[in-house]
PDB file of N, CA and C in Angstrom:
ATOM      1  N   UNK A   1      56.854  31.295   5.459  1.00  0.00           N
ATOM      2  CA  UNK A   1      55.474  31.152   5.851  1.00  0.00           C
ATOM      3  C   UNK A   1      54.615  31.098   4.587  1.00  0.00           C
ATOM      4  N   UNK A   2      53.647  30.226   4.559  1.00  0.00           N
ATOM      5  CA  UNK A   2      52.781  30.032   3.397  1.00  0.00           C
ATOM      6  C   UNK A   2      51.498  30.829   3.584  1.00  0.00           C
ATOM      7  N   UNK A   3      51.491  32.072   3.117  1.00  0.00           N
ATOM      8  CA  UNK A   3      50.314  32.933   3.167  1.00  0.00           C
ATOM      9  C   UNK A   3      50.148  33.600   1.807  1.00  0.00           C
ATOM     10  N   UNK A   4      48.904  33.612   1.332  1.00  0.00           N
ATOM     11  CA  UNK A   4      48.610  34.207   0.036  1.00  0.00           C
ATOM     12  C   UNK A   4      47.463  35.194   0.192  1.00  0.00           C
ATOM     13  N   UNK A   5      47.600  36.378  -0.395  1.00  0.00           N
ATOM     14  CA  UNK A   5      46.505  37.342  -0.475  1.00  0.00           C
ATOM     15  C   UNK A   5      46.401  37.794  -1.914  1.00  0.00           C
ATOM     16  N   UNK A   6      45.208  37.683  -2.465  1.00  0.00           N
ATOM     17  CA  UNK A   6      44.995  38.008  -3.875  1.00  0.00           C
ATOM     18  C   UNK A   6      43.683  38.755  -4.022  1.00  0.00           C
ATOM     19  N   UNK A   7      43.713  39.802  -4.834  1.00  0.00           N
ATOM     20  CA  UNK A   7      42.478  40.485  -5.241  1.00  0.00           C
ATOM     21  C   UNK A   7      42.315  40.248  -6.729  1.00  0.00           C
ATOM     22  N   UNK A   8      41.100  39.903  -7.140  1.00  0.00           N
ATOM     23  CA  UNK A   8      40.869  39.639  -8.548  1.00  0.00           C
ATOM     24  C   UNK A   8      39.392  39.561  -8.868  1.00  0.00           C
ATOM     25  N   UNK A   9      39.105  39.153 -10.081  1.00  0.00           N
ATOM     26  CA  UNK A   9      37.733  39.095 -10.595  1.00  0.00           C
ATOM     27  C   UNK A   9      37.352  37.634 -10.818  1.00  0.00           C
ATOM     28  N   UNK A  10      36.198  37.239 -10.289  1.00  0.00           N
ATOM     29  CA  UNK A  10      35.726  35.867 -10.458  1.00  0.00           C
ATOM     30  C   UNK A  10      35.525  35.603 -11.949  1.00  0.00           C
ATOM     31  N   UNK A  11      36.214  34.588 -12.475  1.00  0.00           N
ATOM     32  CA  UNK A  11      36.098  34.277 -13.905  1.00  0.00           C
ATOM     33  C   UNK A  11      35.320  32.990 -14.160  1.00  0.00           C
ATOM     34  N   UNK A  12      35.206  32.133 -13.159  1.00  0.00           N
ATOM     35  CA  UNK A  12      34.426  30.896 -13.247  1.00  0.00           C
ATOM     36  C   UNK A  12      33.703  30.701 -11.919  1.00  0.00           C
ATOM     37  N   UNK A  13      32.421  30.414 -11.971  1.00  0.00           N
ATOM     38  CA  UNK A  13      31.644  30.251 -10.744  1.00  0.00           C
ATOM     39  C   UNK A  13      32.069  28.987 -10.002  1.00  0.00           C
ATOM     40  N   UNK A  14      31.845  28.949  -8.699  1.00  0.00           N
ATOM     41  CA  UNK A  14      32.225  27.777  -7.915  1.00  0.00           C
ATOM     42  C   UNK A  14      31.460  26.526  -8.340  1.00  0.00           C
ATOM     43  N   UNK A  15      32.191  25.413  -8.366  1.00  0.00           N
ATOM     44  CA  UNK A  15      31.627  24.110  -8.711  1.00  0.00           C
ATOM     45  C   UNK A  15      31.995  23.148  -7.591  1.00  0.00           C
ATOM     46  N   UNK A  16      31.024  22.380  -7.134  1.00  0.00           N
ATOM     47  CA  UNK A  16      31.304  21.391  -6.095  1.00  0.00           C
ATOM     48  C   UNK A  16      31.834  20.121  -6.748  1.00  0.00           C
ATOM     49  N   UNK A  17      32.884  19.563  -6.130  1.00  0.00           N
ATOM     50  CA  UNK A  17      33.484  18.324  -6.622  1.00  0.00           C
ATOM     51  C   UNK A  17      33.712  17.380  -5.450  1.00  0.00           C
ATOM     52  N   UNK A  18      33.686  16.086  -5.747  1.00  0.00           N
ATOM     53  CA  UNK A  18      34.052  15.093  -4.739  1.00  0.00           C
ATOM     54  C   UNK A  18      35.401  14.511  -5.133  1.00  0.00           C
ATOM     55  N   UNK A  19      36.352  14.552  -4.209  1.00  0.00           N
ATOM     56  CA  UNK A  19      37.690  14.032  -4.456  1.00  0.00           C
ATOM     57  C   UNK A  19      37.707  12.524  -4.243  1.00  0.00           C
ATOM     58  N   UNK A  20      38.782  11.892  -4.680  1.00  0.00           N
ATOM     59  CA  UNK A  20      38.918  10.439  -4.555  1.00  0.00           C
ATOM     60  C   UNK A  20      38.839   9.978  -3.099  1.00  0.00           C
ATOM     61  N   UNK A  21      39.270  10.833  -2.172  1.00  0.00           N
ATOM     62  CA  UNK A  21      39.234  10.463  -0.752  1.00  0.00           C
ATOM     63  C   UNK A  21      37.865  10.699  -0.108  1.00  0.00           C
ATOM     64  N   UNK A  22      36.890  11.153  -0.905  1.00  0.00           N
ATOM     65  CA  UNK A  22      35.538  11.382  -0.399  1.00  0.00           C
ATOM     66  C   UNK A  22      35.260  12.802   0.058  1.00  0.00           C
ATOM     67  N   UNK A  23      36.294  13.627   0.222  1.00  0.00           N
ATOM     68  CA  UNK A  23      36.087  15.020   0.608  1.00  0.00           C
ATOM     69  C   UNK A  23      35.393  15.788  -0.505  1.00  0.00           C
ATOM     70  N   UNK A  24      34.548  16.720  -0.129  1.00  0.00           N
ATOM     71  CA  UNK A  24      33.884  17.596  -1.097  1.00  0.00           C
ATOM     72  C   UNK A  24      34.565  18.961  -1.072  1.00  0.00           C
ATOM     73  N   UNK A  25      34.748  19.532  -2.250  1.00  0.00           N
ATOM     74  CA  UNK A  25      35.368  20.850  -2.364  1.00  0.00           C
ATOM     75  C   UNK A  25      34.510  21.762  -3.221  1.00  0.00           C
ATOM     76  N   UNK A  26      34.718  23.063  -3.040  1.00  0.00           N
ATOM     77  CA  UNK A  26      34.213  24.067  -3.979  1.00  0.00           C
ATOM     78  C   UNK A  26      35.435  24.625  -4.685  1.00  0.00           C
ATOM     79  N   UNK A  27      35.407  24.659  -6.010  1.00  0.00           N
ATOM     80  CA  UNK A  27      36.531  25.172  -6.791  1.00  0.00           C
ATOM     81  C   UNK A  27      36.023  26.227  -7.757  1.00  0.00           C
ATOM     82  N   UNK A  28      36.801  27.284  -7.937  1.00  0.00           N
ATOM     83  CA  UNK A  28      36.468  28.351  -8.876  1.00  0.00           C
ATOM     84  C   UNK A  28      37.761  29.036  -9.287  1.00  0.00           C
ATOM     85  N   UNK A  29      37.686  30.008 -10.162  1.00  0.00           N
ATOM     86  CA  UNK A  29      38.875  30.728 -10.627  1.00  0.00           C
ATOM     87  C   UNK A  29      38.653  32.227 -10.532  1.00  0.00           C
ATOM     88  N   UNK A  30      39.755  32.915 -10.249  1.00  0.00           N
ATOM     89  CA  UNK A  30      39.733  34.365 -10.350  1.00  0.00           C
ATOM     90  C   UNK A  30      40.832  34.782 -11.316  1.00  0.00           C
ATOM     91  N   UNK A  31      40.594  35.883 -12.015  1.00  0.00           N
ATOM     92  CA  UNK A  31      41.645  36.407 -12.878  1.00  0.00           C
ATOM     93  C   UNK A  31      42.240  37.632 -12.207  1.00  0.00           C
ATOM     94  N   UNK A  32      43.560  37.687 -12.299  1.00  0.00           N
ATOM     95  CA  UNK A  32      44.327  38.739 -11.656  1.00  0.00           C
ATOM     96  C   UNK A  32      45.117  39.462 -12.735  1.00  0.00           C
ATOM     97  N   UNK A  33      44.962  40.789 -12.828  1.00  0.00           N
ATOM     98  CA  UNK A  33      45.738  41.525 -13.836  1.00  0.00           C
ATOM     99  C   UNK A  33      47.239  41.341 -13.602  1.00  0.00           C
ATOM    100  N   UNK A  34      47.952  40.971 -14.652  1.00  0.00           N
ATOM    101  CA  UNK A  34      49.400  40.788 -14.564  1.00  0.00           C
ATOM    102  C   UNK A  34      50.078  42.112 -14.897  1.00  0.00           C
ATOM    103  N   UNK A  35      49.886  42.580 -16.096  1.00  0.00           N
ATOM    104  CA  UNK A  35      50.390  43.856 -16.588  1.00  0.00           C
ATOM    105  C   UNK A  35      49.713  44.064 -17.935  1.00  0.00           C
ATOM    106  N   UNK A  36      50.299  44.878 -18.781  1.00  0.00           N
ATOM    107  CA  UNK A  36      49.667  45.129 -20.082  1.00  0.00           C
ATOM    108  C   UNK A  36      49.593  43.886 -20.963  1.00  0.00           C
ATOM    109  N   UNK A  37      50.295  42.805 -20.560  1.00  0.00           N
ATOM    110  CA  UNK A  37      50.287  41.590 -21.375  1.00  0.00           C
ATOM    111  C   UNK A  37      49.109  40.669 -21.063  1.00  0.00           C
ATOM    112  N   UNK A  38      48.300  40.984 -20.051  1.00  0.00           N
ATOM    113  CA  UNK A  38      47.135  40.155 -19.807  1.00  0.00           C
ATOM    114  C   UNK A  38      46.881  39.843 -18.350  1.00  0.00           C
ATOM    115  N   UNK A  39      46.207  38.728 -18.127  1.00  0.00           N
ATOM    116  CA  UNK A  39      45.790  38.301 -16.800  1.00  0.00           C
ATOM    117  C   UNK A  39      46.327  36.911 -16.488  1.00  0.00           C
ATOM    118  N   UNK A  40      46.403  36.608 -15.207  1.00  0.00           N
ATOM    119  CA  UNK A  40      46.673  35.248 -14.752  1.00  0.00           C
ATOM    120  C   UNK A  40      45.371  34.685 -14.207  1.00  0.00           C
ATOM    121  N   UNK A  41      45.123  33.412 -14.436  1.00  0.00           N
ATOM    122  CA  UNK A  41      43.946  32.729 -13.917  1.00  0.00           C
ATOM    123  C   UNK A  41      44.384  31.880 -12.728  1.00  0.00           C
ATOM    124  N   UNK A  42      43.810  32.150 -11.567  1.00  0.00           N
ATOM    125  CA  UNK A  42      44.230  31.501 -10.334  1.00  0.00           C
ATOM    126  C   UNK A  42      43.134  30.542  -9.852  1.00  0.00           C
ATOM    127  N   UNK A  43      43.432  29.245  -9.751  1.00  0.00           N
ATOM    128  CA  UNK A  43      42.439  28.311  -9.204  1.00  0.00           C
ATOM    129  C   UNK A  43      42.348  28.470  -7.687  1.00  0.00           C
ATOM    130  N   UNK A  44      41.118  28.484  -7.175  1.00  0.00           N
ATOM    131  CA  UNK A  44      40.855  28.626  -5.747  1.00  0.00           C
ATOM    132  C   UNK A  44      39.962  27.480  -5.299  1.00  0.00           C
ATOM    133  N   UNK A  45      40.103  27.086  -4.041  1.00  0.00           N
ATOM    134  CA  UNK A  45      39.312  25.972  -3.538  1.00  0.00           C
ATOM    135  C   UNK A  45      39.092  26.099  -2.035  1.00  0.00           C
ATOM    136  N   UNK A  46      38.035  25.459  -1.551  1.00  0.00           N
ATOM    137  CA  UNK A  46      37.831  25.239  -0.116  1.00  0.00           C
ATOM    138  C   UNK A  46      37.378  23.799   0.067  1.00  0.00           C
ATOM    139  N   UNK A  47      37.787  23.215   1.180  1.00  0.00           N
ATOM    140  CA  UNK A  47      37.357  21.868   1.544  1.00  0.00           C
ATOM    141  C   UNK A  47      36.082  22.018   2.362  1.00  0.00           C
ATOM    142  N   UNK A  48      34.965  21.536   1.850  1.00  0.00           N
ATOM    143  CA  UNK A  48      33.682  21.694   2.525  1.00  0.00           C
ATOM    144  C   UNK A  48      33.591  20.906   3.817  1.00  0.00           C
ATOM    145  N   UNK A  49      34.492  19.950   4.009  1.00  0.00           N
ATOM    146  CA  UNK A  49      34.478  19.155   5.242  1.00  0.00           C
ATOM    147  C   UNK A  49      35.022  19.943   6.425  1.00  0.00           C
ATOM    148  N   UNK A  50      35.843  20.968   6.162  1.00  0.00           N
ATOM    149  CA  UNK A  50      36.479  21.693   7.269  1.00  0.00           C
ATOM    150  C   UNK A  50      36.204  23.189   7.283  1.00  0.00           C
ATOM    151  N   UNK A  51      35.697  23.756   6.197  1.00  0.00           N
ATOM    152  CA  UNK A  51      35.469  25.199   6.166  1.00  0.00           C
ATOM    153  C   UNK A  51      34.168  25.549   6.890  1.00  0.00           C
ATOM    154  N   UNK A  52      34.053  26.786   7.300  1.00  0.00           N
ATOM    155  CA  UNK A  52      32.830  27.215   7.986  1.00  0.00           C
ATOM    156  C   UNK A  52      31.670  27.309   6.997  1.00  0.00           C
ATOM    157  N   UNK A  53      30.477  27.108   7.502  1.00  0.00           N
ATOM    158  CA  UNK A  53      29.271  27.212   6.659  1.00  0.00           C
ATOM    159  C   UNK A  53      29.133  28.638   6.126  1.00  0.00           C
ATOM    160  N   UNK A  54      29.507  29.632   6.930  1.00  0.00           N
ATOM    161  CA  UNK A  54      29.413  31.031   6.488  1.00  0.00           C
ATOM    162  C   UNK A  54      30.308  31.287   5.277  1.00  0.00           C
ATOM    163  N   UNK A  55      31.545  30.774   5.315  1.00  0.00           N
ATOM    164  CA  UNK A  55      32.450  30.949   4.175  1.00  0.00           C
ATOM    165  C   UNK A  55      31.935  30.185   2.963  1.00  0.00           C
ATOM    166  N   UNK A  56      31.472  28.958   3.162  1.00  0.00           N
ATOM    167  CA  UNK A  56      30.937  28.166   2.048  1.00  0.00           C
ATOM    168  C   UNK A  56      29.757  28.881   1.396  1.00  0.00           C
ATOM    169  N   UNK A  57      28.865  29.454   2.194  1.00  0.00           N
ATOM    170  CA  UNK A  57      27.711  30.182   1.642  1.00  0.00           C
ATOM    171  C   UNK A  57      28.153  31.395   0.840  1.00  0.00           C
ATOM    172  N   UNK A  58      29.158  32.122   1.345  1.00  0.00           N
ATOM    173  CA  UNK A  58      29.664  33.302   0.642  1.00  0.00           C
ATOM    174  C   UNK A  58      30.254  32.902  -0.711  1.00  0.00           C
ATOM    175  N   UNK A  59      30.992  31.803  -0.726  1.00  0.00           N
ATOM    176  CA  UNK A  59      31.615  31.335  -1.963  1.00  0.00           C
ATOM    177  C   UNK A  59      30.560  30.841  -2.948  1.00  0.00           C
ATOM    178  N   UNK A  60      29.576  30.092  -2.452  1.00  0.00           N
ATOM    179  CA  UNK A  60      28.520  29.584  -3.332  1.00  0.00           C
ATOM    180  C   UNK A  60      27.725  30.701  -3.992  1.00  0.00           C
ATOM    181  N   UNK A  61      27.704  31.886  -3.391  1.00  0.00           N
ATOM    182  CA  UNK A  61      26.942  33.007  -3.955  1.00  0.00           C
ATOM    183  C   UNK A  61      27.744  33.839  -4.960  1.00  0.00           C
ATOM    184  N   UNK A  62      29.015  33.482  -5.196  1.00  0.00           N
ATOM    185  CA  UNK A  62      29.839  34.254  -6.136  1.00  0.00           C
ATOM    186  C   UNK A  62      29.287  34.180  -7.550  1.00  0.00           C
ATOM    187  N   UNK A  63      29.441  35.281  -8.259  1.00  0.00           N
ATOM    188  CA  UNK A  63      29.038  35.358  -9.664  1.00  0.00           C
ATOM    189  C   UNK A  63      30.212  35.835 -10.504  1.00  0.00           C
ATOM    190  N   UNK A  64      30.223  35.434 -11.759  1.00  0.00           N
ATOM    191  CA  UNK A  64      31.264  35.881 -12.683  1.00  0.00           C
ATOM    192  C   UNK A  64      31.259  37.407 -12.722  1.00  0.00           C
ATOM    193  N   UNK A  65      32.432  37.996 -12.734  1.00  0.00           N
ATOM    194  CA  UNK A  65      32.698  39.435 -12.790  1.00  0.00           C
ATOM    195  C   UNK A  65      32.685  40.119 -11.430  1.00  0.00           C
ATOM    196  N   UNK A  66      32.366  39.393 -10.348  1.00  0.00           N
ATOM    197  CA  UNK A  66      32.475  39.995  -9.019  1.00  0.00           C
ATOM    198  C   UNK A  66      33.946  40.159  -8.671  1.00  0.00           C
ATOM    199  N   UNK A  67      34.253  41.211  -7.953  1.00  0.00           N
ATOM    200  CA  UNK A  67      35.620  41.468  -7.520  1.00  0.00           C
ATOM    201  C   UNK A  67      35.756  41.028  -6.069  1.00  0.00           C
ATOM    202  N   UNK A  68      36.811  40.266  -5.777  1.00  0.00           N
ATOM    203  CA  UNK A  68      36.991  39.692  -4.446  1.00  0.00           C
ATOM    204  C   UNK A  68      38.431  39.846  -3.976  1.00  0.00           C
ATOM    205  N   UNK A  69      38.596  39.786  -2.662  1.00  0.00           N
ATOM    206  CA  UNK A  69      39.917  39.709  -2.039  1.00  0.00           C
ATOM    207  C   UNK A  69      39.917  38.423  -1.229  1.00  0.00           C
ATOM    208  N   UNK A  70      40.893  37.560  -1.474  1.00  0.00           N
ATOM    209  CA  UNK A  70      40.963  36.291  -0.750  1.00  0.00           C
ATOM    210  C   UNK A  70      42.278  36.184   0.003  1.00  0.00           C
ATOM    211  N   UNK A  71      42.224  35.465   1.108  1.00  0.00           N
ATOM    212  CA  UNK A  71      43.412  35.096   1.875  1.00  0.00           C
ATOM    213  C   UNK A  71      43.403  33.582   1.982  1.00  0.00           C
ATOM    214  N   UNK A  72      44.582  33.001   1.935  1.00  0.00           N
ATOM    215  CA  UNK A  72      44.654  31.557   2.031  1.00  0.00           C
ATOM    216  C   UNK A  72      46.080  31.062   2.014  1.00  0.00           C
ATOM    217  N   UNK A  73      46.229  29.809   1.622  1.00  0.00           N
ATOM    218  CA  UNK A  73      47.541  29.177   1.536  1.00  0.00           C
ATOM    219  C   UNK A  73      47.685  28.513   0.171  1.00  0.00           C
ATOM    220  N   UNK A  74      48.901  28.440  -0.303  1.00  0.00           N
ATOM    221  CA  UNK A  74      49.187  27.803  -1.585  1.00  0.00           C
ATOM    222  C   UNK A  74      49.321  26.304  -1.372  1.00  0.00           C
ATOM    223  N   UNK A  75      48.610  25.523  -2.181  1.00  0.00           N
ATOM    224  CA  UNK A  75      48.634  24.063  -2.068  1.00  0.00           C
ATOM    225  C   UNK A  75      48.990  23.441  -3.415  1.00  0.00           C
ATOM    226  N   UNK A  76      49.667  22.300  -3.361  1.00  0.00           N
ATOM    227  CA  UNK A  76      49.925  21.485  -4.546  1.00  0.00           C
ATOM    228  C   UNK A  76      48.924  20.343  -4.536  1.00  0.00           C
ATOM    229  N   UNK A  77      48.307  20.094  -5.675  1.00  0.00           N
ATOM    230  CA  UNK A  77      47.361  18.979  -5.782  1.00  0.00           C
ATOM    231  C   UNK A  77      47.899  18.018  -6.841  1.00  0.00           C
ATOM    232  N   UNK A  78      47.918  16.740  -6.516  1.00  0.00           N
ATOM    233  CA  UNK A  78      48.406  15.698  -7.424  1.00  0.00           C
ATOM    234  C   UNK A  78      47.301  14.680  -7.635  1.00  0.00           C
ATOM    235  N   UNK A  79      47.190  14.154  -8.853  1.00  0.00           N
ATOM    236  CA  UNK A  79      46.200  13.118  -9.138  1.00  0.00           C
ATOM    237  C   UNK A  79      46.636  12.305 -10.355  1.00  0.00           C
ATOM    238  N   UNK A  80      46.011  11.133 -10.489  1.00  0.00           N
ATOM    239  CA  UNK A  80      46.254  10.267 -11.637  1.00  0.00           C
ATOM    240  C   UNK A  80      45.086  10.432 -12.602  1.00  0.00           C
ATOM    241  N   UNK A  81      45.376  10.792 -13.823  1.00  0.00           N
ATOM    242  CA  UNK A  81      44.360  10.919 -14.852  1.00  0.00           C
ATOM    243  C   UNK A  81      44.584   9.901 -15.949  1.00  0.00           C
ATOM    244  N   UNK A  82      43.742   9.967 -16.956  1.00  0.00           N
ATOM    245  CA  UNK A  82      43.858   9.042 -18.087  1.00  0.00           C
ATOM    246  C   UNK A  82      45.219   9.173 -18.772  1.00  0.00           C
ATOM    247  N   UNK A  83      45.772  10.372 -18.764  1.00  0.00           N
ATOM    248  CA  UNK A  83      47.053  10.611 -19.420  1.00  0.00           C
ATOM    249  C   UNK A  83      48.253  10.452 -18.506  1.00  0.00           C
ATOM    250  N   UNK A  84      48.031  10.007 -17.274  1.00  0.00           N
ATOM    251  CA  UNK A  84      49.135   9.846 -16.332  1.00  0.00           C
ATOM    252  C   UNK A  84      49.014  10.800 -15.155  1.00  0.00           C
ATOM    253  N   UNK A  85      50.138  11.046 -14.494  1.00  0.00           N
ATOM    254  CA  UNK A  85      50.160  11.915 -13.319  1.00  0.00           C
ATOM    255  C   UNK A  85      49.988  13.374 -13.719  1.00  0.00           C
ATOM    256  N   UNK A  86      49.237  14.113 -12.911  1.00  0.00           N
ATOM    257  CA  UNK A  86      49.040  15.542 -13.138  1.00  0.00           C
ATOM    258  C   UNK A  86      49.148  16.277 -11.813  1.00  0.00           C
ATOM    259  N   UNK A  87      49.416  17.563 -11.894  1.00  0.00           N
ATOM    260  CA  UNK A  87      49.474  18.373 -10.684  1.00  0.00           C
ATOM    261  C   UNK A  87      49.158  19.816 -11.038  1.00  0.00           C
ATOM    262  N   UNK A  88      48.824  20.585  -9.989  1.00  0.00           N
ATOM    263  CA  UNK A  88      48.639  22.017 -10.168  1.00  0.00           C
ATOM    264  C   UNK A  88      48.742  22.686  -8.806  1.00  0.00           C
ATOM    265  N   UNK A  89      49.011  23.985  -8.846  1.00  0.00           N
ATOM    266  CA  UNK A  89      48.993  24.802  -7.645  1.00  0.00           C
ATOM    267  C   UNK A  89      47.639  25.489  -7.565  1.00  0.00           C
ATOM    268  N   UNK A  90      47.120  25.649  -6.354  1.00  0.00           N
ATOM    269  CA  UNK A  90      45.864  26.351  -6.151  1.00  0.00           C
ATOM    270  C   UNK A  90      45.906  27.046  -4.801  1.00  0.00           C
ATOM    271  N   UNK A  91      45.019  28.013  -4.633  1.00  0.00           N
ATOM    272  CA  UNK A  91      44.908  28.702  -3.356  1.00  0.00           C
ATOM    273  C   UNK A  91      43.781  28.053  -2.561  1.00  0.00           C
ATOM    274  N   UNK A  92      44.121  27.530  -1.376  1.00  0.00           N
ATOM    275  CA  UNK A  92      43.111  27.022  -0.460  1.00  0.00           C
ATOM    276  C   UNK A  92      42.649  28.229   0.359  1.00  0.00           C
ATOM    277  N   UNK A  93      41.428  28.656   0.123  1.00  0.00           N
ATOM    278  CA  UNK A  93      40.923  29.910   0.670  1.00  0.00           C
ATOM    279  C   UNK A  93      40.523  29.752   2.133  1.00  0.00           C
ATOM    280  N   UNK A  94      40.972  30.724   2.940  1.00  0.00           N
ATOM    281  CA  UNK A  94      40.638  30.774   4.357  1.00  0.00           C
ATOM    282  C   UNK A  94      39.609  31.875   4.620  1.00  0.00           C
ATOM    283  N   UNK A  95      39.710  32.976   3.871  1.00  0.00           N
ATOM    284  CA  UNK A  95      38.725  34.051   4.001  1.00  0.00           C
ATOM    285  C   UNK A  95      38.515  34.705   2.639  1.00  0.00           C
ATOM    286  N   UNK A  96      37.330  35.242   2.458  1.00  0.00           N
ATOM    287  CA  UNK A  96      36.972  35.889   1.197  1.00  0.00           C
ATOM    288  C   UNK A  96      36.125  37.114   1.510  1.00  0.00           C
ATOM    289  N   UNK A  97      36.441  38.214   0.841  1.00  0.00           N
ATOM    290  CA  UNK A  97      35.671  39.447   1.012  1.00  0.00           C
ATOM    291  C   UNK A  97      35.345  39.986  -0.377  1.00  0.00           C
ATOM    292  N   UNK A  98      34.085  40.314  -0.600  1.00  0.00           N
ATOM    293  CA  UNK A  98      33.708  40.968  -1.850  1.00  0.00           C
ATOM    294  C   UNK A  98      34.125  42.428  -1.751  1.00  0.00           C
ATOM    295  N   UNK A  99      34.771  42.931  -2.807  1.00  0.00           N
ATOM    296  CA  UNK A  99      35.249  44.307  -2.825  1.00  0.00           C
ATOM    297  C   UNK A  99      34.752  44.997  -4.087  1.00  0.00           C
ATOM    298  N   UNK A 100      34.885  46.320  -4.122  1.00  0.00           N
ATOM    299  CA  UNK A 100      34.487  47.060  -5.329  1.00  0.00           C
ATOM    300  C   UNK A 100      35.631  47.025  -6.328  1.00  0.00           C
ATOM    301  N   UNK A 101      35.328  47.247  -7.570  1.00  0.00           N
ATOM    302  CA  UNK A 101      36.359  47.235  -8.625  1.00  0.00           C
ATOM    303  C   UNK A 101      37.410  48.289  -8.363  1.00  0.00           C
ATOM    304  N   UNK A 102      37.029  49.402  -7.715  1.00  0.00           N
ATOM    305  CA  UNK A 102      38.003  50.466  -7.429  1.00  0.00           C
ATOM    306  C   UNK A 102      39.047  50.026  -6.398  1.00  0.00           C
ATOM    307  N   UNK A 103      38.741  48.979  -5.605  1.00  0.00           N
ATOM    308  CA  UNK A 103      39.684  48.462  -4.616  1.00  0.00           C
ATOM    309  C   UNK A 103      40.668  47.466  -5.214  1.00  0.00           C
ATOM    310  N   UNK A 104      40.447  47.079  -6.458  1.00  0.00           N
ATOM    311  CA  UNK A 104      41.333  46.138  -7.131  1.00  0.00           C
ATOM    312  C   UNK A 104      42.620  46.856  -7.488  1.00  0.00           C
ATOM    313  N   UNK A 105      43.717  46.292  -7.042  1.00  0.00           N
ATOM    314  CA  UNK A 105      45.036  46.933  -7.281  1.00  0.00           C
ATOM    315  C   UNK A 105      45.565  46.523  -8.633  1.00  0.00           C
TER     316      UNK A 105
END
């Protein structure tokens, strides 16, 4: 089953983008503590064509350093760039809750 739950700190504010197929997305990043060696940066996204307005509004209000808990699914994204084919994994967010730093595991 493809389910992802992550708690982390917003490291980049949401940016709206238009994809080649015309869909609009909001994309941002959260950093998740790995261990004493540092953090992982996780790309997150929602498709504005299908997500609820309430979720989109919550995401648009995110600020750097806010602590959040997200639930979603892992997606692969592929595209053609100037340098050739590219891909990345990202979390397609289904729900988002702002949490306190003390709730961060």
